[in-house]
Amino acid sequence: MKTSLLSVIIIFMMLPSTGVTEIMAKPVENETEEQHNWVEYSIHYKTVEAGSHEYTYWKNFIERTSTCHISHRLKSVVYYCDVHDHTDSKIYLEETIHSNEHG
């Protein structure tokens, strides 16, 4: 146990000296956000189930319980930059849908 702990500590101490921190991707020189030519490439809509909850209501002077299923309508937009051949995407919450009307 002590030898494995010691070896883990030695490995972590050696990481900065081996150049592992320099492996991360660096931005291309002279490339800024203003140079991108983002064009909307595609739009996709999807409805996903988000769960459910119970609620109570009154009908004919009787308290009742019902279940409401919740869904989210998501819009995903893909952007393309023809200058750098890059893509980017953003996801937006368009609507929260309740299966039953309740207040």
N, C-alpha and C. Protein backbone atom coordinates (compact mmCIF):
# COMPACT_ATOMS: atom_id res chain seq x y z
N MET A 1 0.83 -1.19 0.00
CA MET A 1 0.00 0.00 0.00
C MET A 1 0.87 1.25 0.00
N LYS A 2 1.91 1.26 0.85
CA LYS A 2 2.77 2.42 0.93
C LYS A 2 3.57 2.61 -0.36
N THR A 3 3.98 1.51 -0.99
CA THR A 3 4.76 1.64 -2.22
C THR A 3 3.90 2.16 -3.36
N SER A 4 2.63 1.75 -3.42
CA SER A 4 1.76 2.26 -4.49
C SER A 4 1.45 3.73 -4.28
N LEU A 5 1.26 4.14 -3.04
CA LEU A 5 1.03 5.54 -2.73
C LEU A 5 2.26 6.36 -3.06
N LEU A 6 3.42 5.85 -2.74
CA LEU A 6 4.67 6.53 -3.04
C LEU A 6 4.87 6.66 -4.54
N SER A 7 4.54 5.61 -5.29
CA SER A 7 4.72 5.68 -6.75
C SER A 7 3.75 6.67 -7.38
N VAL A 8 2.52 6.77 -6.85
CA VAL A 8 1.56 7.75 -7.36
C VAL A 8 2.06 9.16 -7.10
N ILE A 9 2.60 9.40 -5.93
CA ILE A 9 3.13 10.73 -5.59
C ILE A 9 4.30 11.08 -6.50
N ILE A 10 5.17 10.12 -6.76
CA ILE A 10 6.33 10.37 -7.64
C ILE A 10 5.86 10.69 -9.06
N ILE A 11 4.86 9.97 -9.54
CA ILE A 11 4.35 10.22 -10.90
C ILE A 11 3.78 11.63 -10.99
N PHE A 12 2.99 12.05 -9.99
CA PHE A 12 2.43 13.39 -10.02
C PHE A 12 3.49 14.47 -9.90
N MET A 13 4.58 14.18 -9.21
CA MET A 13 5.66 15.15 -9.10
C MET A 13 6.41 15.28 -10.42
N MET A 14 6.47 14.20 -11.20
CA MET A 14 7.21 14.21 -12.46
C MET A 14 6.40 14.79 -13.62
N LEU A 15 5.08 14.87 -13.51
CA LEU A 15 4.24 15.33 -14.62
C LEU A 15 4.64 16.71 -15.16
N PRO A 16 4.81 17.72 -14.32
CA PRO A 16 5.19 19.02 -14.88
C PRO A 16 6.54 19.01 -15.59
N SER A 17 7.47 18.19 -15.13
CA SER A 17 8.80 18.18 -15.75
C SER A 17 8.84 17.39 -17.05
N THR A 18 7.84 16.54 -17.31
CA THR A 18 7.84 15.75 -18.55
C THR A 18 7.19 16.50 -19.70
N GLY A 19 6.63 17.65 -19.47
CA GLY A 19 6.04 18.43 -20.54
C GLY A 19 4.61 18.07 -20.86
N VAL A 20 3.95 17.34 -19.98
CA VAL A 20 2.57 16.95 -20.22
C VAL A 20 1.67 18.17 -20.28
N THR A 21 1.99 19.19 -19.52
CA THR A 21 1.16 20.38 -19.52
C THR A 21 1.25 21.14 -20.84
N GLU A 22 2.28 20.92 -21.62
CA GLU A 22 2.44 21.62 -22.89
C GLU A 22 1.76 20.91 -24.05
N ILE A 23 1.17 19.76 -23.81
CA ILE A 23 0.54 19.00 -24.88
C ILE A 23 -0.82 19.58 -25.25
N MET A 24 -1.43 20.34 -24.37
CA MET A 24 -2.76 20.88 -24.64
C MET A 24 -2.75 21.70 -25.93
N ALA A 25 -3.88 21.69 -26.62
CA ALA A 25 -3.99 22.40 -27.90
C ALA A 25 -3.88 23.90 -27.69
N LYS A 26 -3.13 24.52 -28.55
CA LYS A 26 -2.97 25.96 -28.51
C LYS A 26 -3.74 26.56 -29.68
N PRO A 27 -4.27 27.77 -29.53
CA PRO A 27 -4.98 28.38 -30.65
C PRO A 27 -4.02 28.67 -31.80
N VAL A 28 -4.54 28.62 -32.99
CA VAL A 28 -3.73 28.91 -34.17
C VAL A 28 -3.35 30.38 -34.12
N GLU A 29 -2.10 30.69 -34.47
CA GLU A 29 -1.64 32.08 -34.42
C GLU A 29 -2.47 32.94 -35.37
N ASN A 30 -2.70 34.18 -34.98
CA ASN A 30 -3.45 35.17 -35.75
C ASN A 30 -4.90 34.77 -35.98
N GLU A 31 -5.43 33.84 -35.21
CA GLU A 31 -6.83 33.45 -35.35
C GLU A 31 -7.62 34.07 -34.21
N THR A 32 -8.60 34.88 -34.54
CA THR A 32 -9.46 35.48 -33.53
C THR A 32 -10.90 35.15 -33.86
N GLU A 33 -11.77 35.44 -32.91
CA GLU A 33 -13.19 35.14 -33.09
C GLU A 33 -13.79 35.98 -34.22
N GLU A 34 -13.26 37.19 -34.44
CA GLU A 34 -13.80 38.05 -35.50
C GLU A 34 -13.51 37.51 -36.89
N GLN A 35 -12.52 36.68 -37.04
CA GLN A 35 -12.16 36.18 -38.36
C GLN A 35 -13.05 35.03 -38.81
N HIS A 36 -13.86 34.49 -37.93
CA HIS A 36 -14.74 33.39 -38.31
C HIS A 36 -15.91 33.91 -39.13
N ASN A 37 -16.34 33.11 -40.07
CA ASN A 37 -17.50 33.44 -40.89
C ASN A 37 -18.58 32.40 -40.58
N TRP A 38 -19.23 32.52 -39.42
CA TRP A 38 -20.20 31.53 -38.99
C TRP A 38 -21.48 31.64 -39.81
N VAL A 39 -21.90 30.52 -40.37
CA VAL A 39 -23.14 30.44 -41.14
C VAL A 39 -23.97 29.33 -40.53
N GLU A 40 -25.27 29.59 -40.36
CA GLU A 40 -26.16 28.57 -39.82
C GLU A 40 -26.24 27.42 -40.81
N TYR A 41 -25.85 26.23 -40.37
CA TYR A 41 -25.74 25.08 -41.27
C TYR A 41 -26.97 24.18 -41.20
N SER A 42 -27.44 23.90 -39.98
CA SER A 42 -28.64 23.06 -39.84
C SER A 42 -29.32 23.34 -38.51
N ILE A 43 -30.62 23.04 -38.47
CA ILE A 43 -31.42 23.17 -37.26
C ILE A 43 -32.15 21.86 -37.05
N HIS A 44 -32.17 21.40 -35.81
CA HIS A 44 -32.84 20.14 -35.49
C HIS A 44 -33.63 20.34 -34.20
N TYR A 45 -34.87 19.86 -34.19
CA TYR A 45 -35.71 19.92 -33.00
C TYR A 45 -35.89 18.53 -32.42
N LYS A 46 -35.89 18.44 -31.10
CA LYS A 46 -36.10 17.15 -30.44
C LYS A 46 -36.84 17.39 -29.14
N THR A 47 -37.77 16.49 -28.84
CA THR A 47 -38.50 16.55 -27.58
C THR A 47 -38.00 15.42 -26.69
N VAL A 48 -37.56 15.77 -25.48
CA VAL A 48 -37.04 14.78 -24.54
C VAL A 48 -37.89 14.78 -23.27
N GLU A 49 -38.06 13.60 -22.70
CA GLU A 49 -38.80 13.47 -21.45
C GLU A 49 -37.95 14.01 -20.31
N ALA A 50 -38.57 14.79 -19.43
CA ALA A 50 -37.82 15.41 -18.34
C ALA A 50 -38.28 14.94 -16.97
N GLY A 51 -39.29 14.08 -16.93
CA GLY A 51 -39.75 13.59 -15.64
C GLY A 51 -41.24 13.83 -15.47
N SER A 52 -41.69 13.72 -14.24
CA SER A 52 -43.11 13.92 -13.94
C SER A 52 -43.25 14.41 -12.51
N HIS A 53 -44.43 14.91 -12.21
CA HIS A 53 -44.73 15.29 -10.84
C HIS A 53 -46.22 15.12 -10.62
N GLU A 54 -46.60 14.97 -9.37
CA GLU A 54 -48.01 14.83 -9.03
C GLU A 54 -48.54 16.17 -8.55
N TYR A 55 -49.82 16.40 -8.81
CA TYR A 55 -50.46 17.62 -8.35
C TYR A 55 -51.88 17.27 -7.92
N THR A 56 -52.44 18.11 -7.08
CA THR A 56 -53.80 17.89 -6.59
C THR A 56 -54.71 18.96 -7.16
N TYR A 57 -55.97 18.59 -7.34
CA TYR A 57 -56.98 19.52 -7.83
C TYR A 57 -58.32 19.11 -7.24
N TRP A 58 -59.27 20.02 -7.33
CA TRP A 58 -60.61 19.76 -6.80
C TRP A 58 -61.58 19.58 -7.95
N LYS A 59 -62.42 18.53 -7.86
CA LYS A 59 -63.47 18.29 -8.85
C LYS A 59 -64.71 17.81 -8.10
N ASN A 60 -65.81 18.54 -8.26
CA ASN A 60 -67.06 18.21 -7.56
C ASN A 60 -66.85 18.09 -6.05
N PHE A 61 -66.12 19.04 -5.49
CA PHE A 61 -65.84 19.12 -4.06
C PHE A 61 -65.04 17.93 -3.53
N ILE A 62 -64.34 17.23 -4.42
CA ILE A 62 -63.50 16.11 -4.02
C ILE A 62 -62.07 16.43 -4.46
N GLU A 63 -61.13 16.27 -3.53
CA GLU A 63 -59.73 16.51 -3.87
C GLU A 63 -59.17 15.29 -4.59
N ARG A 64 -58.57 15.52 -5.74
CA ARG A 64 -58.02 14.42 -6.54
C ARG A 64 -56.54 14.67 -6.81
N THR A 65 -55.84 13.60 -7.15
CA THR A 65 -54.41 13.68 -7.47
C THR A 65 -54.21 13.15 -8.87
N SER A 66 -53.35 13.82 -9.62
CA SER A 66 -53.04 13.38 -10.98
C SER A 66 -51.54 13.55 -11.23
N THR A 67 -51.06 12.90 -12.28
CA THR A 67 -49.64 12.97 -12.63
C THR A 67 -49.48 13.78 -13.91
N CYS A 68 -48.54 14.69 -13.89
CA CYS A 68 -48.22 15.51 -15.05
C CYS A 68 -46.84 15.11 -15.56
N HIS A 69 -46.77 14.74 -16.83
CA HIS A 69 -45.49 14.37 -17.45
C HIS A 69 -44.89 15.61 -18.11
N ILE A 70 -43.62 15.83 -17.88
CA ILE A 70 -42.94 17.03 -18.37
C ILE A 70 -41.99 16.65 -19.49
N SER A 71 -42.01 17.43 -20.57
CA SER A 71 -41.09 17.25 -21.69
C SER A 71 -40.45 18.59 -22.01
N HIS A 72 -39.27 18.55 -22.58
CA HIS A 72 -38.59 19.76 -23.04
C HIS A 72 -38.41 19.67 -24.54
N ARG A 73 -38.76 20.74 -25.23
CA ARG A 73 -38.53 20.82 -26.66
C ARG A 73 -37.22 21.59 -26.86
N LEU A 74 -36.22 20.90 -27.43
CA LEU A 74 -34.89 21.48 -27.61
C LEU A 74 -34.63 21.79 -29.07
N LYS A 75 -33.93 22.87 -29.29
CA LYS A 75 -33.53 23.27 -30.65
C LYS A 75 -32.01 23.26 -30.69
N SER A 76 -31.44 22.47 -31.58
CA SER A 76 -29.99 22.48 -31.74
C SER A 76 -29.64 23.10 -33.08
N VAL A 77 -28.73 24.03 -33.04
CA VAL A 77 -28.30 24.75 -34.24
C VAL A 77 -26.82 24.47 -34.46
N VAL A 78 -26.48 24.07 -35.68
CA VAL A 78 -25.09 23.82 -36.05
C VAL A 78 -24.63 24.96 -36.94
N TYR A 79 -23.48 25.54 -36.60
CA TYR A 79 -22.89 26.62 -37.38
C TYR A 79 -21.62 26.10 -38.05
N TYR A 80 -21.33 26.63 -39.22
CA TYR A 80 -20.14 26.21 -39.97
C TYR A 80 -19.36 27.45 -40.38
N CYS A 81 -18.03 27.40 -40.22
CA CYS A 81 -17.14 28.47 -40.66
C CYS A 81 -16.36 27.95 -41.86
N ASP A 82 -16.62 28.50 -43.04
CA ASP A 82 -15.94 28.04 -44.24
C ASP A 82 -14.50 28.54 -44.32
N VAL A 83 -14.17 29.56 -43.55
CA VAL A 83 -12.81 30.10 -43.57
C VAL A 83 -11.84 29.12 -42.91
N HIS A 84 -12.23 28.58 -41.74
CA HIS A 84 -11.34 27.70 -40.98
C HIS A 84 -11.80 26.24 -41.00
N ASP A 85 -12.92 25.94 -41.65
CA ASP A 85 -13.48 24.60 -41.69
C ASP A 85 -13.79 24.11 -40.27
N HIS A 86 -14.39 25.01 -39.45
CA HIS A 86 -14.77 24.70 -38.08
C HIS A 86 -16.28 24.56 -38.00
N THR A 87 -16.74 23.81 -37.02
CA THR A 87 -18.16 23.75 -36.71
C THR A 87 -18.36 24.12 -35.25
N ASP A 88 -19.54 24.63 -34.96
CA ASP A 88 -19.92 24.97 -33.60
C ASP A 88 -21.40 24.64 -33.47
N SER A 89 -21.84 24.33 -32.27
CA SER A 89 -23.25 24.02 -32.08
C SER A 89 -23.73 24.65 -30.78
N LYS A 90 -24.99 24.99 -30.77
CA LYS A 90 -25.64 25.54 -29.59
C LYS A 90 -26.99 24.86 -29.43
N ILE A 91 -27.37 24.62 -28.18
CA ILE A 91 -28.65 23.99 -27.89
C ILE A 91 -29.47 24.97 -27.06
N TYR A 92 -30.72 25.18 -27.48
CA TYR A 92 -31.62 26.11 -26.82
C TYR A 92 -32.85 25.37 -26.31
N LEU A 93 -33.34 25.76 -25.13
CA LEU A 93 -34.59 25.23 -24.61
C LEU A 93 -35.71 26.07 -25.22
N GLU A 94 -36.48 25.48 -26.11
CA GLU A 94 -37.55 26.19 -26.80
C GLU A 94 -38.82 26.27 -25.95
N GLU A 95 -39.15 25.15 -25.29
CA GLU A 95 -40.44 25.10 -24.60
C GLU A 95 -40.42 23.99 -23.55
N THR A 96 -41.09 24.23 -22.43
CA THR A 96 -41.34 23.19 -21.44
C THR A 96 -42.80 22.80 -21.56
N ILE A 97 -43.06 21.51 -21.80
CA ILE A 97 -44.41 21.04 -22.08
C ILE A 97 -44.90 20.21 -20.90
N HIS A 98 -46.07 20.59 -20.36
CA HIS A 98 -46.74 19.81 -19.32
C HIS A 98 -47.89 19.05 -19.97
N SER A 99 -48.06 17.77 -19.61
CA SER A 99 -49.10 16.96 -20.24
C SER A 99 -50.50 17.39 -19.80
N ASN A 100 -50.63 17.97 -18.61
CA ASN A 100 -51.93 18.41 -18.11
C ASN A 100 -51.87 19.89 -17.76
N GLU A 101 -52.98 20.56 -17.97
CA GLU A 101 -53.08 21.97 -17.56
C GLU A 101 -53.37 22.01 -16.06
N HIS A 102 -52.52 22.64 -15.32
CA HIS A 102 -52.75 22.80 -13.88
C HIS A 102 -52.07 24.07 -13.44
N GLY A 103 -52.52 24.62 -12.34
CA GLY A 103 -51.99 25.90 -11.89
C GLY A 103 -51.46 25.80 -10.58
